[in-house]
Protein backbone atom coordinates (compact mmCIF):
# COMPACT_ATOMS: atom_id res chain seq x y z
CA UNK A 1 128.54 33.40 58.19
CA UNK A 2 128.30 35.08 54.86
CA UNK A 3 125.78 37.92 54.75
CA UNK A 4 123.45 38.48 52.03
CA UNK A 5 125.64 41.46 50.51
CA UNK A 6 128.72 39.36 50.78
CA UNK A 7 127.10 36.60 48.91
CA UNK A 8 125.57 38.63 46.09
CA UNK A 9 129.07 40.30 45.41
CA UNK A 10 130.73 37.16 45.11
CA UNK A 11 128.13 35.89 42.59
CA UNK A 12 128.46 39.21 40.73
CA UNK A 13 132.35 38.42 40.45
CA UNK A 14 131.59 34.81 39.39
CA UNK A 15 129.46 36.21 36.52
CA UNK A 16 125.79 35.68 37.61
CA UNK A 17 122.77 36.27 35.65
CA UNK A 18 121.74 39.92 36.11
CA UNK A 19 118.85 41.17 33.88
CA UNK A 20 118.34 44.99 33.36
CA UNK A 21 115.42 46.44 35.32
CA UNK A 22 112.85 46.22 32.43
CA UNK A 23 113.91 42.71 31.96
CA UNK A 24 113.09 41.45 35.39
CA UNK A 25 109.55 40.91 35.34
CA UNK A 26 107.82 38.76 37.98
CA UNK A 27 105.01 36.55 36.50
CA UNK A 28 102.82 36.98 39.90
CA UNK A 29 103.14 37.27 43.69
CA UNK A 30 100.79 35.05 45.84
CA UNK A 31 100.06 36.03 49.34
CA UNK A 32 98.99 32.95 51.41
CA UNK A 33 97.14 33.75 54.48
CA UNK A 34 95.78 31.82 57.53
CA UNK A 35 96.85 30.19 60.78
CA UNK A 36 97.91 33.42 61.80
CA UNK A 37 100.70 33.52 59.28
CA UNK A 38 101.55 35.07 55.97
CA UNK A 39 103.82 33.66 53.37
CA UNK A 40 104.55 35.23 49.71
CA UNK A 41 105.44 33.02 46.92
CA UNK A 42 107.23 34.85 43.84
CA UNK A 43 106.72 33.19 40.73
CA UNK A 44 109.44 33.87 38.21
CA UNK A 45 110.14 31.89 34.82
CA UNK A 46 108.81 28.52 36.38
CA UNK A 47 110.35 29.10 39.56
CA UNK A 48 108.60 29.73 42.97
CA UNK A 49 110.37 31.54 45.88
CA UNK A 50 108.87 31.62 49.23
CA UNK A 51 109.34 34.86 51.34
CA UNK A 52 108.22 35.99 54.70
CA UNK A 53 106.76 39.50 54.64
CA UNK A 54 110.29 40.84 56.52
CA UNK A 55 112.51 38.76 53.65
CA UNK A 56 110.30 40.48 50.74
CA UNK A 57 110.93 44.00 52.42
CA UNK A 58 114.67 43.38 52.67
CA UNK A 59 116.50 44.23 49.17
CA UNK A 60 119.85 42.15 49.96
CA UNK A 61 117.52 39.01 51.34
CA UNK A 62 115.25 39.47 48.44
CA UNK A 63 118.05 39.25 45.88
CA UNK A 64 119.96 36.46 47.47
CA UNK A 65 116.92 34.19 47.67
CA UNK A 66 116.14 34.62 44.10
CA UNK A 67 119.76 34.33 43.03
CA UNK A 68 119.77 30.98 45.09
CA UNK A 69 116.39 29.46 43.98
CA UNK A 70 115.64 31.05 40.62
CA UNK A 71 119.38 31.32 39.37
CA UNK A 72 119.04 35.13 38.65
CA UNK A 73 120.04 38.29 40.67
CA UNK A 74 117.10 41.09 40.36
CA UNK A 75 118.50 44.53 39.46
CA UNK A 76 119.70 46.73 42.24
CA UNK A 77 117.46 49.41 43.23
CA UNK A 78 118.03 52.58 45.30
CA UNK A 79 116.55 51.98 48.94
CA UNK A 80 113.48 54.26 48.53
CA UNK A 81 112.72 53.00 44.92
CA UNK A 82 113.01 49.34 46.15
CA UNK A 83 110.63 50.05 49.11
CA UNK A 84 108.13 51.74 46.65
CA UNK A 85 108.54 48.65 44.37
CA UNK A 86 108.22 46.01 47.01
CA UNK A 87 105.15 47.73 48.29
CA UNK A 88 103.31 47.99 44.85
CA UNK A 89 104.16 44.54 44.58
CA UNK A 90 102.37 43.20 47.62
CA UNK A 91 99.57 45.34 46.74
CA UNK A 92 98.81 43.62 43.63
CA UNK A 93 99.53 40.10 44.94
CA UNK A 94 96.74 37.44 44.45
CA UNK A 95 95.48 36.55 47.78
CA UNK A 96 94.68 32.70 48.51
CA UNK A 97 94.06 30.61 51.46
CA UNK A 98 96.79 29.05 53.56
CA UNK A 99 95.82 25.55 52.77
CA UNK A 100 96.41 25.98 49.09
CA UNK A 101 100.00 26.65 49.34
CA UNK A 102 101.66 24.26 47.07
CA UNK A 103 104.63 23.28 49.74
CA UNK A 104 103.76 23.20 53.30
CA UNK A 105 106.35 25.15 55.47
CA UNK A 106 107.17 22.19 57.72
CA UNK A 107 108.02 19.77 54.36
CA UNK A 108 109.89 20.54 51.21
CA UNK A 109 111.07 17.93 48.43
CA UNK A 110 114.83 18.48 47.56
CA UNK A 111 114.43 17.19 43.93
CA UNK A 112 111.76 15.13 41.84
CA UNK A 113 113.59 13.55 39.00
CA UNK A 114 112.01 11.92 35.96
CA UNK A 115 113.60 8.52 34.81
CA UNK A 116 111.21 8.06 32.04
CA UNK A 117 108.56 5.27 31.48
CA UNK A 118 106.43 7.04 34.40
CA UNK A 119 109.11 6.31 36.70
CA UNK A 120 109.98 8.94 39.24
CA UNK A 121 112.61 9.51 42.39
CA UNK A 122 111.91 11.85 45.08
CA UNK A 123 114.69 13.18 47.19
CA UNK A 124 114.15 14.24 50.73
CA UNK A 125 116.75 14.89 53.40
CA UNK A 126 119.49 12.49 51.58
CA UNK A 127 116.64 9.77 51.10
CA UNK A 128 115.39 8.63 47.30
CA UNK A 129 112.28 7.14 47.10
CA UNK A 130 110.76 5.87 44.01
CA UNK A 131 107.40 6.38 42.66
CA UNK A 132 105.16 5.64 39.54
CA UNK A 133 103.57 8.78 38.11
CA UNK A 134 99.94 7.29 39.23
CA UNK A 135 101.27 6.72 42.81
CA UNK A 136 102.98 10.23 42.85
CA UNK A 137 99.82 11.88 41.91
CA UNK A 138 97.47 10.17 44.57
CA UNK A 139 97.64 11.78 47.97
CA UNK A 140 96.77 8.47 49.56
CA UNK A 141 99.79 6.67 48.00
CA UNK A 142 102.57 9.51 48.17
CA UNK A 143 102.36 10.01 52.20
CA UNK A 144 102.44 6.18 52.88
CA UNK A 145 105.34 5.58 50.87
CA UNK A 146 107.35 8.95 52.29
CA UNK A 147 106.68 7.62 55.72
CA UNK A 148 107.68 4.23 54.94
CA UNK A 149 110.98 4.95 53.13
CA UNK A 150 111.96 8.45 54.32
CA UNK A 151 110.34 8.36 57.98
CA UNK A 152 108.50 11.63 57.18
CA UNK A 153 104.61 12.28 56.68
CA UNK A 154 103.88 14.98 54.29
CA UNK A 155 100.91 17.35 55.47
CA UNK A 156 97.56 16.66 54.28
CA UNK A 157 96.08 18.94 51.87
CA UNK A 158 92.77 19.19 50.18
CA UNK A 159 92.79 17.48 46.88
CA UNK A 160 92.68 20.44 44.74
CA UNK A 161 95.84 21.93 46.69
CA UNK A 162 97.77 18.58 46.27
CA UNK A 163 96.89 18.43 42.60
CA UNK A 164 98.44 21.92 41.99
CA UNK A 165 101.31 21.06 44.29
CA UNK A 166 102.32 18.00 42.23
CA UNK A 167 101.51 19.45 38.96
CA UNK A 168 104.17 22.15 39.74
CA UNK A 169 106.65 19.72 41.12
CA UNK A 170 106.18 17.70 37.99
CA UNK A 171 106.35 20.72 35.66
CA UNK A 172 109.89 21.50 37.28
CA UNK A 173 111.31 18.16 37.81
CA UNK A 174 114.78 17.26 36.56
CA UNK A 175 115.47 14.43 34.17
CA UNK A 176 118.09 11.85 34.84
CA UNK A 177 120.55 10.59 31.85
CA UNK A 178 119.57 7.09 31.80
CA UNK A 179 122.68 6.34 29.57
CA UNK A 180 125.17 7.29 32.30
CA UNK A 181 126.24 5.50 35.88
CA UNK A 182 124.63 6.80 39.13
CA UNK A 183 121.39 8.26 37.45
CA UNK A 184 120.99 5.24 35.35
CA UNK A 185 117.87 2.86 36.59
CA UNK A 186 117.08 -0.28 34.71
CA UNK A 187 113.67 -1.55 34.19
CA UNK A 188 114.60 -4.54 36.20
CA UNK A 189 116.19 -2.87 39.03
CA UNK A 190 113.17 -0.46 39.30
CA UNK A 191 110.62 -3.13 39.29
CA UNK A 192 112.54 -5.73 41.71
CA UNK A 193 112.76 -3.09 44.28
CA UNK A 194 109.33 -1.21 43.87
CA UNK A 195 106.83 -2.68 46.71
CA UNK A 196 103.22 -3.56 46.47
CA UNK A 197 102.66 0.00 47.62
CA UNK A 198 103.65 1.48 44.46
CA UNK A 199 100.97 -0.76 42.53
CA UNK A 200 103.25 -3.38 40.84
CA UNK A 201 102.41 -7.04 40.83
CA UNK A 202 104.57 -10.24 39.99
CA UNK A 203 103.24 -12.16 37.14
CA UNK A 204 106.05 -14.62 37.59
CA UNK A 205 105.98 -18.37 37.45
CA UNK A 206 108.12 -20.39 39.94
CA UNK A 207 110.34 -21.30 37.19
CA UNK A 208 110.90 -17.85 35.47
CA UNK A 209 110.37 -14.59 36.50
CA UNK A 210 107.96 -12.61 33.88
CA UNK A 211 107.40 -8.95 32.92
CA UNK A 212 105.50 -6.94 35.63
CA UNK A 213 102.88 -4.93 34.44
CA UNK A 214 101.22 -1.82 36.58
CA UNK A 215 97.56 -2.68 38.14
CA UNK A 216 94.77 -1.16 36.27
CA UNK A 217 93.18 1.75 37.86
């Protein structure tokens, strides 16, 4: 198994992004507490990277996780200097309740992809699940579809926490190239395979299938 240090050295040889010390500024650190657990979310240039306290204290682990999830390698600091920096960072963290965490420890989404026209796909452990924007933002619809298609039930969040989490996912979503093969999803293929659960109804006559429209509300 490759150690954090070995992984970092190999990434340096391959020319990864390495900002200078003064250029590496964390937007904020959020401390989530509750249920006897603590997690830290480092927010950096639109990315949110989760750490345990132990991972945050270890410079090689901190640098590796930032490199893997935010695409940037924090500057190397001397041991004592890093410990002071990490301690100061934790002292100035914003503290929020555990329930407000945008992603529960037991459930993560691999990728959310926008296909345009309020159409999305959620990727979870190899499964690709289709959503409309409306149903993606409704917590009542999201767990039902994830359970039906991916056999996983996301944790129940309070409404405000769910909105924060989904807004963050949408903000950081990838965009599919609708002009190329595998990522392409035509309106017909999308609508033909979208179940009632996603809020679409057919207005087709027995002779000819008409255009489907989203229901109001």
